[in-house]
Protein backbone atom coordinates (compact mmCIF):
# COMPACT_ATOMS: atom_id res chain seq x y z
CA MET A 1 -5.17 1.51 -26.42
CA ILE A 2 -2.66 1.82 -23.40
CA ALA A 3 -2.64 5.78 -24.07
CA ASP A 4 -6.03 5.95 -22.64
CA ILE A 5 -5.42 5.22 -19.21
CA LEU A 6 -1.91 6.86 -18.56
CA PRO A 7 -1.66 10.57 -17.61
CA ALA A 8 -0.27 13.24 -20.34
CA TRP A 9 3.36 13.06 -18.91
CA VAL A 10 3.74 9.66 -20.16
CA ALA A 11 4.56 9.02 -23.60
CA SER A 12 3.48 5.50 -24.98
CA ALA A 13 3.59 3.28 -28.20
CA GLU A 14 1.42 0.20 -29.28
CA GLU A 15 1.60 -2.35 -31.74
CA PHE A 16 -0.92 -5.21 -32.87
CA GLY A 17 1.24 -6.80 -34.88
CA ASP A 18 5.20 -7.49 -34.98
CA VAL A 19 7.84 -5.46 -36.48
CA PRO A 20 10.98 -6.49 -38.71
CA GLU A 21 13.80 -7.79 -36.53
CA GLU A 22 16.19 -5.69 -38.40
CA THR A 23 14.34 -3.05 -36.01
CA LEU A 24 16.89 -4.29 -32.70
CA PHE A 25 19.99 -2.43 -31.96
CA PRO A 26 23.34 -4.57 -32.50
CA GLU A 27 23.33 -4.69 -28.77
CA GLU A 28 20.20 -6.16 -28.33
CA ARG A 29 20.47 -8.82 -30.84
CA PRO A 30 22.09 -11.45 -28.41
CA LEU A 31 19.46 -11.13 -26.15
CA VAL A 32 17.25 -12.95 -28.61
CA GLU A 33 19.61 -15.66 -30.20
CA ARG A 34 18.72 -18.38 -28.46
CA VAL A 35 14.91 -17.56 -27.35
CA ALA A 36 11.58 -19.45 -28.95
CA ASP A 37 9.93 -17.59 -32.09
CA ARG A 38 7.28 -16.01 -30.18
CA ARG A 39 9.37 -14.65 -27.14
CA ARG A 40 11.77 -13.26 -30.09
CA ARG A 41 8.92 -11.20 -31.84
CA GLU A 42 7.71 -9.95 -28.53
CA PHE A 43 10.96 -8.57 -27.43
CA VAL A 44 11.83 -7.40 -30.81
CA THR A 45 8.51 -5.67 -31.24
CA GLY A 46 8.38 -4.16 -27.55
CA ARG A 47 11.74 -2.49 -28.00
CA HIS A 48 10.58 -0.74 -31.63
CA CYS A 49 7.34 0.45 -29.10
CA ALA A 50 9.94 1.72 -26.82
CA ARG A 51 11.67 3.55 -28.96
CA ARG A 52 8.61 5.10 -30.42
CA ALA A 53 7.59 5.89 -26.64
CA LEU A 54 11.16 7.43 -26.08
CA ALA A 55 10.83 9.74 -28.85
CA GLY A 56 7.68 11.34 -27.31
CA ILE A 57 9.52 12.61 -24.68
CA GLY A 58 12.18 13.59 -26.86
CA VAL A 59 14.85 11.09 -26.17
CA ALA A 60 16.62 9.70 -29.04
CA PRO A 61 16.61 6.22 -30.37
CA VAL A 62 18.93 3.85 -27.88
CA ALA A 63 19.20 0.42 -26.85
CA ILE A 64 17.28 -0.91 -24.23
CA PRO A 65 18.89 -3.97 -22.90
CA ARG A 66 17.73 -6.56 -20.28
CA GLY A 67 18.39 -5.97 -16.45
CA GLU A 68 17.92 -7.85 -13.50
CA ARG A 69 14.67 -10.41 -13.31
CA GLY A 70 14.81 -9.30 -17.42
CA ALA A 71 13.35 -5.57 -16.18
CA PRO A 72 14.33 -3.29 -19.22
CA VAL A 73 17.11 -0.94 -18.59
CA TRP A 74 16.22 2.57 -19.44
CA PRO A 75 18.43 5.66 -20.66
CA ASP A 76 19.46 7.79 -17.61
CA GLY A 77 16.47 10.25 -16.56
CA VAL A 78 13.54 7.87 -17.95
CA VAL A 79 11.65 5.39 -16.49
CA GLY A 80 9.23 2.99 -18.11
CA SER A 81 7.52 -0.30 -18.60
CA ILE A 82 6.95 -3.02 -21.36
CA THR A 83 4.28 -5.24 -21.59
CA HIS A 84 3.25 -8.00 -24.17
CA CYS A 85 0.75 -10.46 -24.56
CA SER A 86 -0.88 -12.62 -27.69
CA GLY A 87 -1.83 -10.05 -30.33
CA TYR A 88 -0.74 -6.88 -28.34
CA ARG A 89 2.69 -5.03 -27.30
CA ALA A 90 2.80 -1.68 -25.59
CA ALA A 91 5.63 0.52 -23.86
CA ALA A 92 5.34 3.92 -21.77
CA VAL A 93 7.50 6.16 -20.54
CA GLY A 94 8.20 9.08 -18.68
CA PRO A 95 11.15 11.77 -17.07
CA ALA A 96 12.71 10.65 -13.91
CA GLU A 97 12.03 14.38 -12.59
CA ALA A 98 8.34 13.66 -12.86
CA ALA A 99 8.15 9.98 -11.50
CA LEU A 100 9.43 7.60 -9.65
CA ALA A 101 8.17 4.51 -11.77
CA ILE A 102 5.79 3.46 -14.33
CA GLY A 103 4.04 -0.02 -14.69
CA ILE A 104 1.79 -1.36 -17.32
CA ASP A 105 0.36 -4.52 -18.57
CA ALA A 106 -1.54 -6.10 -20.84
CA GLU A 107 -3.31 -9.56 -21.22
CA PRO A 108 -6.22 -11.27 -23.66
CA HIS A 109 -9.39 -10.31 -22.02
CA GLU A 110 -10.26 -14.26 -21.21
CA HIS A 111 -10.64 -15.61 -17.89
CA LEU A 112 -7.73 -16.97 -15.75
CA PRO A 113 -7.16 -20.79 -16.51
CA GLU A 114 -8.23 -22.94 -13.79
CA GLY A 115 -6.58 -23.27 -10.31
CA VAL A 116 -5.00 -19.85 -10.80
CA LEU A 117 -7.20 -17.27 -9.04
CA PRO A 118 -6.72 -18.76 -5.43
CA ARG A 119 -2.79 -18.32 -6.19
CA ILE A 120 -2.75 -14.90 -6.84
CA ALA A 121 -5.62 -13.67 -5.06
CA ALA A 122 -6.87 -13.21 -1.55
CA PRO A 123 -10.28 -14.70 -0.10
CA ALA A 124 -11.43 -10.97 0.16
CA GLU A 125 -10.28 -10.11 -3.31
CA ILE A 126 -12.07 -13.71 -4.50
CA ALA A 127 -15.36 -12.18 -2.94
CA ALA A 128 -15.24 -8.83 -4.51
CA LEU A 129 -14.53 -10.30 -8.10
CA THR A 130 -17.61 -12.28 -7.11
CA ALA A 131 -19.32 -9.03 -6.53
CA LEU A 132 -18.02 -7.30 -9.54
CA ARG A 133 -19.17 -10.37 -11.80
CA ASP A 134 -22.49 -10.48 -10.47
CA ALA A 135 -22.85 -6.78 -11.58
CA ASP A 136 -21.42 -7.29 -15.36
CA ASP A 137 -20.52 -10.64 -16.21
CA ALA A 138 -19.26 -9.54 -19.48
CA VAL A 139 -15.76 -8.39 -18.38
CA CYS A 140 -13.20 -10.73 -17.07
CA TRP A 141 -12.70 -9.01 -13.87
CA ASP A 142 -10.19 -11.92 -12.49
CA ALA A 143 -7.96 -10.92 -15.69
CA ILE A 144 -8.11 -7.64 -14.54
CA LEU A 145 -7.01 -8.26 -11.16
CA PHE A 146 -3.93 -10.15 -12.36
CA SER A 147 -3.10 -7.78 -14.81
CA ALA A 148 -3.00 -4.94 -11.83
CA LYS A 149 -0.99 -7.04 -9.98
CA GLU A 150 1.51 -7.21 -12.85
CA SER A 151 1.27 -3.48 -13.14
CA VAL A 152 1.98 -3.31 -9.27
CA TYR A 153 5.10 -5.46 -9.79
CA LYS A 154 6.67 -3.36 -12.54
CA VAL A 155 6.33 -0.60 -9.91
CA TRP A 156 7.83 -2.07 -7.16
CA PHE A 157 10.86 -4.05 -8.53
CA PRO A 158 12.86 -1.33 -10.29
CA LEU A 159 12.77 1.14 -6.57
CA THR A 160 13.33 -2.08 -4.61
CA ARG A 161 15.26 -4.91 -6.26
CA ARG A 162 13.28 -7.21 -4.37
CA TRP A 163 10.39 -9.70 -5.38
CA LEU A 164 6.76 -8.85 -4.64
CA ASP A 165 4.57 -11.44 -4.09
CA PHE A 166 1.01 -11.60 -4.99
CA SER A 167 -0.02 -12.06 -2.01
CA GLU A 168 1.69 -8.98 -0.95
CA ALA A 169 -1.05 -6.36 -2.51
CA VAL A 170 -4.49 -6.49 -2.13
CA VAL A 171 -6.21 -4.77 -5.22
CA ASP A 172 -9.66 -2.99 -5.27
CA ILE A 173 -11.20 -2.70 -8.51
CA ASP A 174 -13.52 0.06 -9.62
CA PRO A 175 -15.83 -0.56 -12.23
CA ALA A 176 -15.48 2.54 -13.70
CA GLY A 177 -12.34 1.72 -14.87
CA GLY A 178 -10.03 2.35 -11.62
CA PHE A 179 -7.90 0.27 -9.08
CA GLU A 180 -6.18 1.12 -5.67
CA ALA A 181 -3.45 -1.62 -4.83
CA ARG A 182 -2.41 -1.53 -1.24
CA LEU A 183 0.66 -2.94 -0.55
CA LEU A 184 1.24 -5.13 2.83
CA VAL A 185 4.84 -4.82 2.83
CA ALA A 186 6.72 -1.49 2.62
CA ASP A 187 9.92 -0.27 1.38
CA PRO A 188 10.94 3.80 1.53
CA ALA A 189 12.00 3.63 -1.99
CA VAL A 190 8.21 3.41 -3.27
CA GLY A 191 7.32 6.30 -0.35
CA THR A 192 3.52 4.54 -0.07
CA THR A 193 1.75 1.82 0.35
CA VAL A 194 -1.07 2.73 -1.66
CA LEU A 195 -0.64 2.60 -5.68
CA ARG A 196 -3.59 3.97 -7.73
CA GLY A 197 -4.10 2.49 -11.50
CA ARG A 198 -6.69 2.58 -14.24
CA TRP A 199 -7.60 -0.15 -16.52
CA THR A 200 -9.50 -0.69 -19.75
CA VAL A 201 -10.73 -3.56 -21.83
CA ARG A 202 -10.78 -3.21 -25.69
CA ASP A 203 -11.18 -5.39 -29.15
CA GLY A 204 -10.14 -8.40 -27.01
CA HIS A 205 -7.39 -7.10 -24.74
CA LEU A 206 -7.18 -5.48 -21.45
CA ALA A 207 -4.58 -3.58 -19.55
CA THR A 208 -3.86 -1.92 -16.56
CA SER A 209 -1.26 0.61 -15.73
CA ILE A 210 0.21 2.99 -12.75
CA ALA A 211 1.98 6.04 -12.97
CA LEU A 212 3.57 6.72 -9.65
CA PRO A 213 4.33 10.42 -9.54
CA ARG A 214 7.43 11.67 -7.50
CA GLY A 215 6.66 13.40 -4.61
């Protein structure tokens, strides 16, 4: 699913189930010693996907520590992103010489819980979702908006090391499978205030991605 919305120079891997904990590197084990079983399984399989993706760009298996705000710490010369939700885990990586950052996110294809949408979306975004729903109510557009903003953050944070609030990115969803995020804050590390991504829905899940090329 995730490969369909990424450019060819990005390598990815996904799992719809979980892999044994023995796949963890020794350096990673302390990171999940005191977490709930669900979180541990997400971490284990996410790291497994990450190493499979790294192999796709010729990088040998390595430990992937957890950095600031839980972001994965990639080997030198690599940028990437990991996502997990109920029933799905994925990772995407690319060479840093080709990309500034990669952000991916996956969610169950279901509407957001009541009260969440006003906290993550501006009035104009909510109005746009209403128009999208009127045209096609089989798609959970609110969940796609949420996921797109998560992908935006996963591009923003590794470059800036600064928090980005939901209100600081305005997302316009193209029903054909793309989206454009306009950043309301600027940072020279990102180099642009417009991020373009893609989305897909398949088999009860949705995914979004942004691959920000260098230059």
